[in-house]
C-alpha atoms as a PDB file:
ATOM      1  CA  MET A   1      43.038   7.839 163.581  1.00  0.00           C
ATOM      2  CA  PRO A   2      39.911   9.269 161.739  1.00  0.00           C
ATOM      3  CA  ARG A   3      37.889   6.606 159.907  1.00  0.00           C
ATOM      4  CA  ILE A   4      38.072   8.561 156.577  1.00  0.00           C
ATOM      5  CA  ALA A   5      41.957   8.301 156.833  1.00  0.00           C
ATOM      6  CA  LEU A   6      41.765   4.803 156.654  1.00  0.00           C
ATOM      7  CA  ARG A   7      39.154   4.175 153.924  1.00  0.00           C
ATOM      8  CA  ALA A   8      41.883   4.163 151.372  1.00  0.00           C
ATOM      9  CA  PHE A   9      43.137   0.820 152.766  1.00  0.00           C
ATOM     10  CA  GLY A  10      39.993  -0.979 151.905  1.00  0.00           C
ATOM     11  CA  ILE A  11      40.049   0.368 148.508  1.00  0.00           C
ATOM     12  CA  ALA A  12      43.946  -0.037 147.805  1.00  0.00           C
ATOM     13  CA  ILE A  13      44.291  -3.659 149.116  1.00  0.00           C
ATOM     14  CA  PHE A  14      41.464  -4.984 146.678  1.00  0.00           C
ATOM     15  CA  ALA A  15      42.275  -2.438 143.752  1.00  0.00           C
ATOM     16  CA  LEU A  16      44.432  -5.037 142.137  1.00  0.00           C
ATOM     17  CA  GLY A  17      45.326  -8.597 142.471  1.00  0.00           C
ATOM     18  CA  GLY A  18      46.064 -12.274 141.530  1.00  0.00           C
ATOM     19  CA  LEU A  19      48.763 -15.865 139.211  1.00  0.00           C
ATOM     20  CA  ILE A  20      47.140 -18.750 137.220  1.00  0.00           C
ATOM     21  CA  TRP A  21      49.307 -21.712 137.749  1.00  0.00           C
ATOM     22  CA  GLN A  22      49.365 -24.321 135.139  1.00  0.00           C
ATOM     23  CA  ALA A  23      46.429 -26.833 135.180  1.00  0.00           C
ATOM     24  CA  THR A  24      48.912 -29.734 135.296  1.00  0.00           C
ATOM     25  CA  ALA A  25      50.741 -28.217 138.198  1.00  0.00           C
ATOM     26  CA  TRP A  26      47.290 -27.840 140.139  1.00  0.00           C
ATOM     27  CA  ALA A  27      46.399 -31.615 139.400  1.00  0.00           C
ATOM     28  CA  ALA A  28      49.930 -32.525 141.137  1.00  0.00           C
ATOM     29  CA  SER A  29      49.602 -30.442 144.206  1.00  0.00           C
ATOM     30  CA  ALA A  30      48.076 -27.229 145.646  1.00  0.00           C
ATOM     31  CA  PRO A  31      50.462 -24.105 145.915  1.00  0.00           C
ATOM     32  CA  SER A  32      51.956 -23.499 149.413  1.00  0.00           C
ATOM     33  CA  ASP A  33      49.846 -21.679 152.067  1.00  0.00           C
ATOM     34  CA  ILE A  34      50.972 -18.302 152.730  1.00  0.00           C
ATOM     35  CA  ALA A  35      50.643 -15.823 155.755  1.00  0.00           C
ATOM     36  CA  PHE A  36      51.602 -12.107 155.823  1.00  0.00           C
ATOM     37  CA  ASN A  37      51.806  -9.846 158.810  1.00  0.00           C
ATOM     38  CA  VAL A  38      50.328  -6.448 157.901  1.00  0.00           C
ATOM     39  CA  ILE A  39      52.394  -3.525 159.074  1.00  0.00           C
ATOM     40  CA  ARG A  40      50.941   0.179 159.047  1.00  0.00           C
ATOM     41  CA  GLY A  41      53.510   2.956 159.564  1.00  0.00           C
ATOM     42  CA  GLY A  42      55.947   0.417 161.339  1.00  0.00           C
ATOM     43  CA  ASP A  43      53.110  -0.804 163.577  1.00  0.00           C
ATOM     44  CA  PRO A  44      51.229  -4.090 163.406  1.00  0.00           C
ATOM     45  CA  MET A  45      47.941  -3.690 162.128  1.00  0.00           C
ATOM     46  CA  GLY A  46      46.977  -7.506 161.422  1.00  0.00           C
ATOM     47  CA  ARG A  47      47.274 -10.572 159.425  1.00  0.00           C
ATOM     48  CA  HIS A  48      46.473 -11.884 155.833  1.00  0.00           C
ATOM     49  CA  THR A  49      46.602 -15.560 155.004  1.00  0.00           C
ATOM     50  CA  VAL A  50      45.981 -17.592 151.812  1.00  0.00           C
ATOM     51  CA  ALA A  51      45.309 -21.321 152.306  1.00  0.00           C
ATOM     52  CA  PHE A  52      45.015 -23.765 149.348  1.00  0.00           C
ATOM     53  CA  ARG A  53      43.653 -27.262 148.844  1.00  0.00           C
ATOM     54  CA  GLN A  54      43.014 -29.693 146.328  1.00  0.00           C
ATOM     55  CA  ASP A  55      39.639 -31.135 145.785  1.00  0.00           C
ATOM     56  CA  GLY A  56      39.872 -33.392 142.681  1.00  0.00           C
ATOM     57  CA  ASP A  57      40.500 -31.448 139.724  1.00  0.00           C
ATOM     58  CA  LYS A  58      39.572 -28.326 141.608  1.00  0.00           C
ATOM     59  CA  LEU A  59      41.914 -25.911 143.627  1.00  0.00           C
ATOM     60  CA  ILE A  60      39.995 -24.220 146.725  1.00  0.00           C
ATOM     61  CA  VAL A  61      41.647 -21.176 147.789  1.00  0.00           C
ATOM     62  CA  GLU A  62      40.527 -19.550 151.309  1.00  0.00           C
ATOM     63  CA  ILE A  63      41.717 -15.929 151.956  1.00  0.00           C
ATOM     64  CA  ALA A  64      41.210 -14.192 155.495  1.00  0.00           C
ATOM     65  CA  ILE A  65      42.147 -10.886 156.445  1.00  0.00           C
ATOM     66  CA  ASP A  66      41.920  -9.383 159.874  1.00  0.00           C
ATOM     67  CA  LEU A  67      42.925  -5.828 160.551  1.00  0.00           C
ATOM     68  CA  GLU A  68      42.733  -3.407 163.397  1.00  0.00           C
ATOM     69  CA  VAL A  69      44.139   0.130 164.120  1.00  0.00           C
ATOM     70  CA  ARG A  70      44.192   1.480 167.706  1.00  0.00           C
ATOM     71  CA  PHE A  71      44.598   4.924 168.889  1.00  0.00           C
ATOM     72  CA  ALA A  72      45.385   5.429 172.627  1.00  0.00           C
ATOM     73  CA  PHE A  73      44.464   1.825 172.996  1.00  0.00           C
ATOM     74  CA  VAL A  74      41.012   2.251 171.660  1.00  0.00           C
ATOM     75  CA  PRO A  75      40.104   0.519 168.119  1.00  0.00           C
ATOM     76  CA  VAL A  76      39.240   3.196 165.750  1.00  0.00           C
ATOM     77  CA  PHE A  77      39.327   0.920 162.712  1.00  0.00           C
ATOM     78  CA  ARG A  78      38.484  -2.486 161.987  1.00  0.00           C
ATOM     79  CA  TYR A  79      38.508  -4.637 158.811  1.00  0.00           C
ATOM     80  CA  SER A  80      37.773  -8.148 158.055  1.00  0.00           C
ATOM     81  CA  HIS A  81      37.484 -10.256 154.838  1.00  0.00           C
ATOM     82  CA  ARG A  82      36.742 -13.870 153.874  1.00  0.00           C
ATOM     83  CA  ASN A  83      37.076 -14.929 150.335  1.00  0.00           C
ATOM     84  CA  MET A  84      36.654 -18.671 148.859  1.00  0.00           C
ATOM     85  CA  GLU A  85      37.732 -19.106 145.358  1.00  0.00           C
ATOM     86  CA  THR A  86      37.375 -22.310 143.277  1.00  0.00           C
ATOM     87  CA  TRP A  87      39.624 -22.671 140.235  1.00  0.00           C
ATOM     88  CA  GLN A  88      39.350 -25.489 137.560  1.00  0.00           C
ATOM     89  CA  ASN A  89      41.632 -26.067 134.611  1.00  0.00           C
ATOM     90  CA  GLY A  90      43.068 -22.781 135.372  1.00  0.00           C
ATOM     91  CA  ARG A  91      39.905 -20.753 135.624  1.00  0.00           C
ATOM     92  CA  LEU A  92      37.987 -19.205 138.147  1.00  0.00           C
ATOM     93  CA  VAL A  93      34.817 -21.014 138.605  1.00  0.00           C
ATOM     94  CA  ARG A  94      33.495 -19.922 141.508  1.00  0.00           C
ATOM     95  CA  LEU A  95      34.087 -16.812 144.171  1.00  0.00           C
ATOM     96  CA  GLU A  96      32.289 -15.834 147.104  1.00  0.00           C
ATOM     97  CA  SER A  97      33.338 -13.055 149.696  1.00  0.00           C
ATOM     98  CA  VAL A  98      32.111 -11.173 152.834  1.00  0.00           C
ATOM     99  CA  THR A  99      33.778  -8.142 153.878  1.00  0.00           C
ATOM    100  CA  ASN A 100      33.215  -5.800 156.966  1.00  0.00           C
ATOM    101  CA  ASP A 101      35.240  -2.459 155.923  1.00  0.00           C
ATOM    102  CA  ASP A 102      34.782  -0.763 159.394  1.00  0.00           C
ATOM    103  CA  GLY A 103      31.040  -1.231 159.414  1.00  0.00           C
ATOM    104  CA  THR A 104      30.361  -1.117 155.605  1.00  0.00           C
ATOM    105  CA  LYS A 105      29.567  -4.624 154.648  1.00  0.00           C
ATOM    106  CA  HIS A 106      30.026  -6.147 151.119  1.00  0.00           C
ATOM    107  CA  LYS A 107      29.144  -9.508 149.671  1.00  0.00           C
ATOM    108  CA  VAL A 108      30.149 -10.767 146.306  1.00  0.00           C
ATOM    109  CA  LEU A 109      29.425 -13.970 144.581  1.00  0.00           C
ATOM    110  CA  ALA A 110      30.769 -15.159 141.027  1.00  0.00           C
ATOM    111  CA  GLU A 111      29.995 -18.275 139.095  1.00  0.00           C
ATOM    112  CA  ALA A 112      31.165 -19.700 135.834  1.00  0.00           C
ATOM    113  CA  THR A 113      28.460 -20.097 133.073  1.00  0.00           C
ATOM    114  CA  ASP A 114      28.453 -21.089 129.546  1.00  0.00           C
ATOM    115  CA  GLY A 115      28.316 -17.465 128.631  1.00  0.00           C
ATOM    116  CA  GLY A 116      31.203 -16.270 130.896  1.00  0.00           C
ATOM    117  CA  LEU A 117      31.588 -15.551 134.727  1.00  0.00           C
ATOM    118  CA  ARG A 118      28.196 -14.418 136.174  1.00  0.00           C
ATOM    119  CA  VAL A 119      29.006 -11.802 139.035  1.00  0.00           C
ATOM    120  CA  THR A 120      26.745 -10.317 141.775  1.00  0.00           C
ATOM    121  CA  ASP A 121      28.305  -7.150 143.264  1.00  0.00           C
ATOM    122  CA  SER A 122      27.945  -5.720 146.610  1.00  0.00           C
ATOM    123  CA  SER A 123      25.205  -3.452 145.378  1.00  0.00           C
ATOM    124  CA  GLY A 124      23.096  -6.456 144.056  1.00  0.00           C
ATOM    125  CA  ARG A 125      23.882  -5.758 140.459  1.00  0.00           C
ATOM    126  CA  THR A 126      24.455  -8.888 138.176  1.00  0.00           C
ATOM    127  CA  TYR A 127      26.499  -8.836 135.338  1.00  0.00           C
ATOM    128  CA  MET A 128      28.560 -11.116 133.030  1.00  0.00           C
ATOM    129  CA  ALA A 129      32.359 -10.887 133.186  1.00  0.00           C
ATOM    130  CA  PRO A 130      34.794 -12.449 130.867  1.00  0.00           C
ATOM    131  CA  ALA A 131      35.324 -16.338 131.410  1.00  0.00           C
ATOM    132  CA  ASP A 132      38.872 -15.935 132.214  1.00  0.00           C
ATOM    133  CA  THR A 133      38.457 -13.252 134.872  1.00  0.00           C
ATOM    134  CA  ILE A 134      41.159 -12.992 137.492  1.00  0.00           C
ATOM    135  CA  PRO A 135      40.276 -11.615 140.935  1.00  0.00           C
ATOM    136  CA  THR A 136      42.054  -9.292 143.030  1.00  0.00           C
ATOM    137  CA  SER A 137      43.478 -11.740 145.530  1.00  0.00           C
ATOM    138  CA  TYR A 138      47.277 -11.222 144.690  1.00  0.00           C
ATOM    139  CA  TRP A 139      48.586 -14.870 145.068  1.00  0.00           C
ATOM    140  CA  ASN A 140      48.053 -15.160 141.275  1.00  0.00           C
ATOM    141  CA  LYS A 141      50.869 -13.609 139.253  1.00  0.00           C
ATOM    142  CA  GLU A 142      48.678 -13.644 136.186  1.00  0.00           C
ATOM    143  CA  THR A 143      47.447 -10.442 137.737  1.00  0.00           C
ATOM    144  CA  ILE A 144      50.279  -8.557 136.181  1.00  0.00           C
ATOM    145  CA  ARG A 145      49.346  -9.648 132.650  1.00  0.00           C
ATOM    146  CA  ARG A 146      45.977  -8.371 133.085  1.00  0.00           C
ATOM    147  CA  LYS A 147      44.241  -4.762 132.042  1.00  0.00           C
ATOM    148  CA  GLU A 148      41.154  -5.612 134.037  1.00  0.00           C
ATOM    149  CA  LEU A 149      40.527  -7.382 137.222  1.00  0.00           C
ATOM    150  CA  LEU A 150      37.522  -8.362 139.284  1.00  0.00           C
ATOM    151  CA  ASN A 151      37.500  -6.593 142.738  1.00  0.00           C
ATOM    152  CA  SER A 152      36.708  -9.373 145.166  1.00  0.00           C
ATOM    153  CA  GLN A 153      35.601  -6.922 147.862  1.00  0.00           C
ATOM    154  CA  ASP A 154      32.813  -5.044 146.072  1.00  0.00           C
ATOM    155  CA  GLY A 155      32.519  -7.406 142.951  1.00  0.00           C
ATOM    156  CA  LYS A 156      33.092  -4.389 140.394  1.00  0.00           C
ATOM    157  CA  MET A 157      35.529  -4.822 137.387  1.00  0.00           C
ATOM    158  CA  MET A 158      38.521  -2.565 137.325  1.00  0.00           C
ATOM    159  CA  PRO A 159      41.062  -1.244 134.719  1.00  0.00           C
ATOM    160  CA  VAL A 160      44.561  -1.640 135.764  1.00  0.00           C
ATOM    161  CA  HIS A 161      47.977  -0.726 134.547  1.00  0.00           C
ATOM    162  CA  VAL A 162      51.233  -2.686 135.393  1.00  0.00           C
ATOM    163  CA  GLU A 163      54.902  -1.435 135.325  1.00  0.00           C
ATOM    164  CA  THR A 164      57.996  -3.580 136.038  1.00  0.00           C
ATOM    165  CA  GLN A 165      60.081  -2.102 138.567  1.00  0.00           C
ATOM    166  CA  SER A 166      62.996  -4.165 139.158  1.00  0.00           C
ATOM    167  CA  ASP A 167      64.908  -7.385 139.759  1.00  0.00           C
ATOM    168  CA  ALA A 168      65.056  -7.820 143.236  1.00  0.00           C
ATOM    169  CA  ALA A 169      67.533  -9.674 145.450  1.00  0.00           C
ATOM    170  CA  ASP A 170      67.202 -13.599 145.332  1.00  0.00           C
ATOM    171  CA  GLY A 171      65.243 -13.744 142.149  1.00  0.00           C
ATOM    172  CA  VAL A 172      62.247 -11.821 143.393  1.00  0.00           C
ATOM    173  CA  MET A 173      60.539  -9.346 140.750  1.00  0.00           C
ATOM    174  CA  HIS A 174      59.004  -6.083 141.764  1.00  0.00           C
ATOM    175  CA  TYR A 175      55.874  -4.728 139.949  1.00  0.00           C
ATOM    176  CA  ARG A 176      53.718  -1.616 140.447  1.00  0.00           C
ATOM    177  CA  LEU A 177      50.030  -2.001 139.749  1.00  0.00           C
ATOM    178  CA  ILE A 178      47.988   1.081 139.252  1.00  0.00           C
ATOM    179  CA  LYS A 179      44.337   1.347 139.287  1.00  0.00           C
ATOM    180  CA  THR A 180      43.559   3.341 136.480  1.00  0.00           C
ATOM    181  CA  GLU A 181      40.340   4.843 137.717  1.00  0.00           C
ATOM    182  CA  ASP A 182      42.119   6.824 140.600  1.00  0.00           C
ATOM    183  CA  GLY A 183      45.693   6.131 140.119  1.00  0.00           C
ATOM    184  CA  ILE A 184      46.322   4.390 143.376  1.00  0.00           C
ATOM    185  CA  PRO A 185      49.775   2.613 143.078  1.00  0.00           C
ATOM    186  CA  VAL A 186      50.438  -0.784 144.815  1.00  0.00           C
ATOM    187  CA  ASP A 187      53.891  -2.546 144.812  1.00  0.00           C
ATOM    188  CA  VAL A 188      53.913  -6.195 144.662  1.00  0.00           C
ATOM    189  CA  TRP A 189      56.714  -8.673 144.523  1.00  0.00           C
ATOM    190  CA  TYR A 190      56.701 -12.236 143.049  1.00  0.00           C
ATOM    191  CA  GLY A 191      59.292 -14.942 142.879  1.00  0.00           C
ATOM    192  CA  LYS A 192      60.817 -14.858 139.455  1.00  0.00           C
ATOM    193  CA  GLU A 193      60.980 -18.680 139.069  1.00  0.00           C
ATOM    194  CA  SER A 194      58.623 -19.869 141.689  1.00  0.00           C
ATOM    195  CA  ARG A 195      55.890 -17.170 140.837  1.00  0.00           C
ATOM    196  CA  ASP A 196      55.180 -17.073 144.518  1.00  0.00           C
ATOM    197  CA  TRP A 197      53.632 -13.978 146.132  1.00  0.00           C
ATOM    198  CA  MET A 198      56.358 -12.535 148.095  1.00  0.00           C
ATOM    199  CA  LYS A 199      55.453  -9.085 149.345  1.00  0.00           C
ATOM    200  CA  LEU A 200      53.142  -6.013 149.086  1.00  0.00           C
ATOM    201  CA  ALA A 201      53.352  -2.141 149.865  1.00  0.00           C
ATOM    202  CA  PHE A 202      51.435   0.848 149.064  1.00  0.00           C
ATOM    203  CA  VAL A 203      50.432   4.232 150.859  1.00  0.00           C
ATOM    204  CA  ALA A 204      47.182   4.990 152.180  1.00  0.00           C
ATOM    205  CA  ARG A 205      46.516   8.656 153.025  1.00  0.00           C
ATOM    206  CA  GLY A 206      50.091   9.228 153.547  1.00  0.00           C
ATOM    207  CA  THR A 207      50.734   6.176 155.631  1.00  0.00           C
ATOM    208  CA  ARG A 208      52.737   3.282 154.225  1.00  0.00           C
ATOM    209  CA  ILE A 209      51.286  -0.258 154.530  1.00  0.00           C
ATOM    210  CA  ASP A 210      53.610  -3.058 154.228  1.00  0.00           C
ATOM    211  CA  TYR A 211      52.938  -6.976 153.843  1.00  0.00           C
ATOM    212  CA  GLU A 212      55.740  -8.926 155.482  1.00  0.00           C
ATOM    213  CA  LEU A 213      56.097 -12.585 154.609  1.00  0.00           C
ATOM    214  CA  ALA A 214      55.625 -14.374 158.076  1.00  0.00           C
ATOM    215  CA  SER A 215      55.401 -17.974 156.695  1.00  0.00           C
ATOM    216  CA  ARG A 216      54.913 -20.320 153.673  1.00  0.00           C
ATOM    217  CA  ASP A 217      53.485 -23.677 154.045  1.00  0.00           C
ATOM    218  CA  GLY A 218      53.953 -23.234 157.703  1.00  0.00           C
ATOM    219  CA  ARG A 219      57.515 -22.294 157.706  1.00  0.00           C
ATOM    220  CA  ALA A 220      58.793 -19.008 158.642  1.00  0.00           C
ATOM    221  CA  GLN A 221      60.301 -16.810 155.996  1.00  0.00           C
ATOM    222  CA  GLN A 222      62.923 -14.156 155.588  1.00  0.00           C
ATOM    223  CA  ALA A 223      61.337 -10.657 154.587  1.00  0.00           C
ATOM    224  CA  VAL A 224      61.958  -9.602 151.132  1.00  0.00           C
ATOM    225  CA  LYS A 225      63.980  -6.217 150.903  1.00  0.00           C
END
């Protein structure tokens, strides 16, 4: 598959994102770890994991994505992303990510200051974002209430539009998040009561990408329909 046909994956996966849990809930325990199998056009593409740990009054979130597409057994696309977020009292206080998008490398650093969230994007530009900024990491359901998000791949702020699609089975809510700039839609599912991230799907250059929930806190999960 040509490289250009897969570029949209890197754009779409971080076009939108994330839920702020109540600070009191964080103080009690971290959310459950999540693992997704990533499927492209029905074929396995890789893995996306989100791990949580409590460090005093801070919540540490570690995100790892490893993807690969092969054609005739030859790798034609590789994608890797590592992102560490630190949250305190329900707000992002630090984010550091590195990404290799099939040879194109990105690095982002964001740190809380008295004046807001200071962000250095992948181009080296530094700017101030609002103190309550949410990054595009999907685990955070607060994403569906925002009109602008911090792209954790390239460090840019992005306007977004969110539409509620339906009540899915077993108390799961389905939303469509649209990046205002280019209209790329991403379908995402969260638990109605638990607020857990359950599923993700979008189309990149005519090929459907699905996130299938593999496990939560180490336990195998049934896929959301």
